[in-house]
Amino acid sequence: MKNVLFICSQNKLRSPTAEQVFAHWPGIEASSAGTNRDAENPLSSEQIEWADIIFVMEKAHRSKVQAKYRANLNGKWLICLHIPDEYEFMDPDLTALLKAKVPKHL
């Protein structure tokens, strides 16, 4: 079982959508978080430790994760999906993008 963590800013649209899309994939345990302090589920060191693979939506998220959790990232895959903040929760275009970009890293 691979633990997969999806990260965006607020954990309201992109990362929860990704969590939902991959929640029932075989061999995957999915979760999501946000980099902002006021996120629905703020990112923690425990989540970074839990994850085998970490997907961020934008380069800015990757930078924040690397800056704050560098010590927790040893042996982790940190992958930027380059998905801008222009989608609603479960937007069909967003789910299609996620299904196109994520599986090759799993």
C-alpha atoms as a PDB file:
ATOM      1  CA  MET A   1       0.000   0.000   0.000  1.00  0.00           C
ATOM      2  CA  LYS A   2       1.352   3.420  -1.003  1.00  0.00           C
ATOM      3  CA  ASN A   3       0.435   6.472   1.046  1.00  0.00           C
ATOM      4  CA  VAL A   4      -0.185   9.379  -1.328  1.00  0.00           C
ATOM      5  CA  LEU A   5      -0.563  12.976  -0.138  1.00  0.00           C
ATOM      6  CA  PHE A   6      -1.987  15.745  -2.342  1.00  0.00           C
ATOM      7  CA  ILE A   7      -1.232  19.363  -1.437  1.00  0.00           C
ATOM      8  CA  CYS A   8      -2.591  22.731  -2.584  1.00  0.00           C
ATOM      9  CA  SER A   9      -2.982  26.069  -0.776  1.00  0.00           C
ATOM     10  CA  GLN A  10      -6.351  25.937   0.998  1.00  0.00           C
ATOM     11  CA  ASN A  11      -7.205  22.216   0.725  1.00  0.00           C
ATOM     12  CA  LYS A  12     -10.635  23.189  -0.607  1.00  0.00           C
ATOM     13  CA  LEU A  13     -10.595  22.469  -4.344  1.00  0.00           C
ATOM     14  CA  ARG A  14      -7.623  20.803  -6.045  1.00  0.00           C
ATOM     15  CA  SER A  15      -6.090  18.567  -3.376  1.00  0.00           C
ATOM     16  CA  PRO A  16      -9.437  17.291  -1.991  1.00  0.00           C
ATOM     17  CA  THR A  17     -10.494  16.532  -5.566  1.00  0.00           C
ATOM     18  CA  ALA A  18      -7.293  14.542  -6.062  1.00  0.00           C
ATOM     19  CA  GLU A  19      -7.885  12.715  -2.788  1.00  0.00           C
ATOM     20  CA  GLN A  20     -11.399  11.768  -3.932  1.00  0.00           C
ATOM     21  CA  VAL A  21     -10.247  10.698  -7.399  1.00  0.00           C
ATOM     22  CA  PHE A  22      -7.567   8.357  -6.032  1.00  0.00           C
ATOM     23  CA  ALA A  23      -9.278   7.262  -2.794  1.00  0.00           C
ATOM     24  CA  HIS A  24     -10.454   3.968  -4.259  1.00  0.00           C
ATOM     25  CA  TRP A  25      -7.490   3.101  -6.474  1.00  0.00           C
ATOM     26  CA  PRO A  26      -6.040  -0.308  -5.625  1.00  0.00           C
ATOM     27  CA  GLY A  27      -2.923  -0.157  -3.478  1.00  0.00           C
ATOM     28  CA  ILE A  28      -3.345   3.560  -2.729  1.00  0.00           C
ATOM     29  CA  GLU A  29      -4.198   5.301   0.537  1.00  0.00           C
ATOM     30  CA  ALA A  30      -4.911   8.961  -0.346  1.00  0.00           C
ATOM     31  CA  SER A  31      -5.016  12.076   1.805  1.00  0.00           C
ATOM     32  CA  SER A  32      -4.812  15.831   1.225  1.00  0.00           C
ATOM     33  CA  ALA A  33      -3.706  19.012   2.954  1.00  0.00           C
ATOM     34  CA  GLY A  34      -3.081  22.713   2.370  1.00  0.00           C
ATOM     35  CA  THR A  35       0.055  24.794   2.789  1.00  0.00           C
ATOM     36  CA  ASN A  36      -1.761  27.819   4.209  1.00  0.00           C
ATOM     37  CA  ARG A  37      -2.289  28.149   7.951  1.00  0.00           C
ATOM     38  CA  ASP A  38      -6.019  28.698   7.407  1.00  0.00           C
ATOM     39  CA  ALA A  39      -6.388  25.657   5.121  1.00  0.00           C
ATOM     40  CA  GLU A  40      -9.241  23.218   5.720  1.00  0.00           C
ATOM     41  CA  ASN A  41      -6.622  20.634   6.742  1.00  0.00           C
ATOM     42  CA  PRO A  42      -3.276  22.412   7.321  1.00  0.00           C
ATOM     43  CA  LEU A  43      -0.196  20.428   6.323  1.00  0.00           C
ATOM     44  CA  SER A  44       1.727  18.858   9.209  1.00  0.00           C
ATOM     45  CA  SER A  45       5.017  17.030   9.655  1.00  0.00           C
ATOM     46  CA  GLU A  46       3.007  13.912  10.583  1.00  0.00           C
ATOM     47  CA  GLN A  47       1.352  13.943   7.158  1.00  0.00           C
ATOM     48  CA  ILE A  48       4.725  14.310   5.438  1.00  0.00           C
ATOM     49  CA  GLU A  49       6.077  11.392   7.500  1.00  0.00           C
ATOM     50  CA  TRP A  50       3.018   9.283   6.596  1.00  0.00           C
ATOM     51  CA  ALA A  51       3.315   9.874   2.851  1.00  0.00           C
ATOM     52  CA  ASP A  52       5.381   7.807   0.439  1.00  0.00           C
ATOM     53  CA  ILE A  53       4.595  10.107  -2.489  1.00  0.00           C
ATOM     54  CA  ILE A  54       3.685  13.791  -2.177  1.00  0.00           C
ATOM     55  CA  PHE A  55       1.999  15.637  -5.030  1.00  0.00           C
ATOM     56  CA  VAL A  56       1.827  19.428  -5.035  1.00  0.00           C
ATOM     57  CA  MET A  57      -0.256  21.421  -7.488  1.00  0.00           C
ATOM     58  CA  GLU A  58       2.178  24.316  -8.110  1.00  0.00           C
ATOM     59  CA  LYS A  59       5.877  25.156  -7.794  1.00  0.00           C
ATOM     60  CA  ALA A  60       5.052  27.541  -4.914  1.00  0.00           C
ATOM     61  CA  HIS A  61       3.635  24.619  -2.933  1.00  0.00           C
ATOM     62  CA  ARG A  62       6.784  22.587  -3.572  1.00  0.00           C
ATOM     63  CA  SER A  63       8.924  25.476  -2.346  1.00  0.00           C
ATOM     64  CA  LYS A  64       6.876  25.852   0.848  1.00  0.00           C
ATOM     65  CA  VAL A  65       6.992  22.115   1.566  1.00  0.00           C
ATOM     66  CA  GLN A  66      10.759  21.956   0.951  1.00  0.00           C
ATOM     67  CA  ALA A  67      11.412  25.007   3.115  1.00  0.00           C
ATOM     68  CA  LYS A  68       9.303  23.932   6.092  1.00  0.00           C
ATOM     69  CA  TYR A  69       9.651  20.132   6.002  1.00  0.00           C
ATOM     70  CA  ARG A  70      13.095  19.520   4.496  1.00  0.00           C
ATOM     71  CA  ALA A  71      14.116  17.202   7.357  1.00  0.00           C
ATOM     72  CA  ASN A  72      10.990  15.076   6.822  1.00  0.00           C
ATOM     73  CA  LEU A  73      11.409  14.646   3.071  1.00  0.00           C
ATOM     74  CA  ASN A  74      14.259  12.104   3.021  1.00  0.00           C
ATOM     75  CA  GLY A  75      13.252   9.164   0.864  1.00  0.00           C
ATOM     76  CA  LYS A  76      10.016  10.849  -0.270  1.00  0.00           C
ATOM     77  CA  TRP A  77       8.949  11.606  -3.809  1.00  0.00           C
ATOM     78  CA  LEU A  78       7.850  15.239  -4.114  1.00  0.00           C
ATOM     79  CA  ILE A  79       6.171  15.791  -7.479  1.00  0.00           C
ATOM     80  CA  CYS A  80       4.750  19.020  -8.897  1.00  0.00           C
ATOM     81  CA  LEU A  81       1.691  18.505 -11.119  1.00  0.00           C
ATOM     82  CA  HIS A  82       1.641  22.107 -12.464  1.00  0.00           C
ATOM     83  CA  ILE A  83      -2.120  22.473 -12.038  1.00  0.00           C
ATOM     84  CA  PRO A  84      -3.186  26.127 -11.587  1.00  0.00           C
ATOM     85  CA  ASP A  85      -5.864  27.293  -9.152  1.00  0.00           C
ATOM     86  CA  GLU A  86      -8.633  27.654 -11.735  1.00  0.00           C
ATOM     87  CA  TYR A  87     -10.876  24.674 -11.011  1.00  0.00           C
ATOM     88  CA  GLU A  88     -13.814  23.969  -8.732  1.00  0.00           C
ATOM     89  CA  PHE A  89     -14.048  20.896  -6.493  1.00  0.00           C
ATOM     90  CA  MET A  90     -14.524  17.755  -8.639  1.00  0.00           C
ATOM     91  CA  ASP A  91     -14.432  19.813 -11.876  1.00  0.00           C
ATOM     92  CA  PRO A  92     -14.434  17.278 -14.751  1.00  0.00           C
ATOM     93  CA  ASP A  93     -11.465  19.040 -16.383  1.00  0.00           C
ATOM     94  CA  LEU A  94      -9.517  18.853 -13.105  1.00  0.00           C
ATOM     95  CA  THR A  95     -10.293  15.172 -12.610  1.00  0.00           C
ATOM     96  CA  ALA A  96      -9.207  14.455 -16.204  1.00  0.00           C
ATOM     97  CA  LEU A  97      -5.930  16.334 -15.623  1.00  0.00           C
ATOM     98  CA  LEU A  98      -5.272  14.418 -12.423  1.00  0.00           C
ATOM     99  CA  LYS A  99      -6.003  11.072 -14.088  1.00  0.00           C
ATOM    100  CA  ALA A 100      -3.592  12.010 -16.885  1.00  0.00           C
ATOM    101  CA  LYS A 101      -0.730  13.235 -14.666  1.00  0.00           C
ATOM    102  CA  VAL A 102      -0.751  11.204 -11.432  1.00  0.00           C
ATOM    103  CA  PRO A 103      -0.857   7.473 -12.379  1.00  0.00           C
ATOM    104  CA  LYS A 104       2.560   7.428 -14.107  1.00  0.00           C
ATOM    105  CA  HIS A 105       4.123   8.299 -10.724  1.00  0.00           C
ATOM    106  CA  LEU A 106       2.255   5.631  -8.793  1.00  0.00           C
END
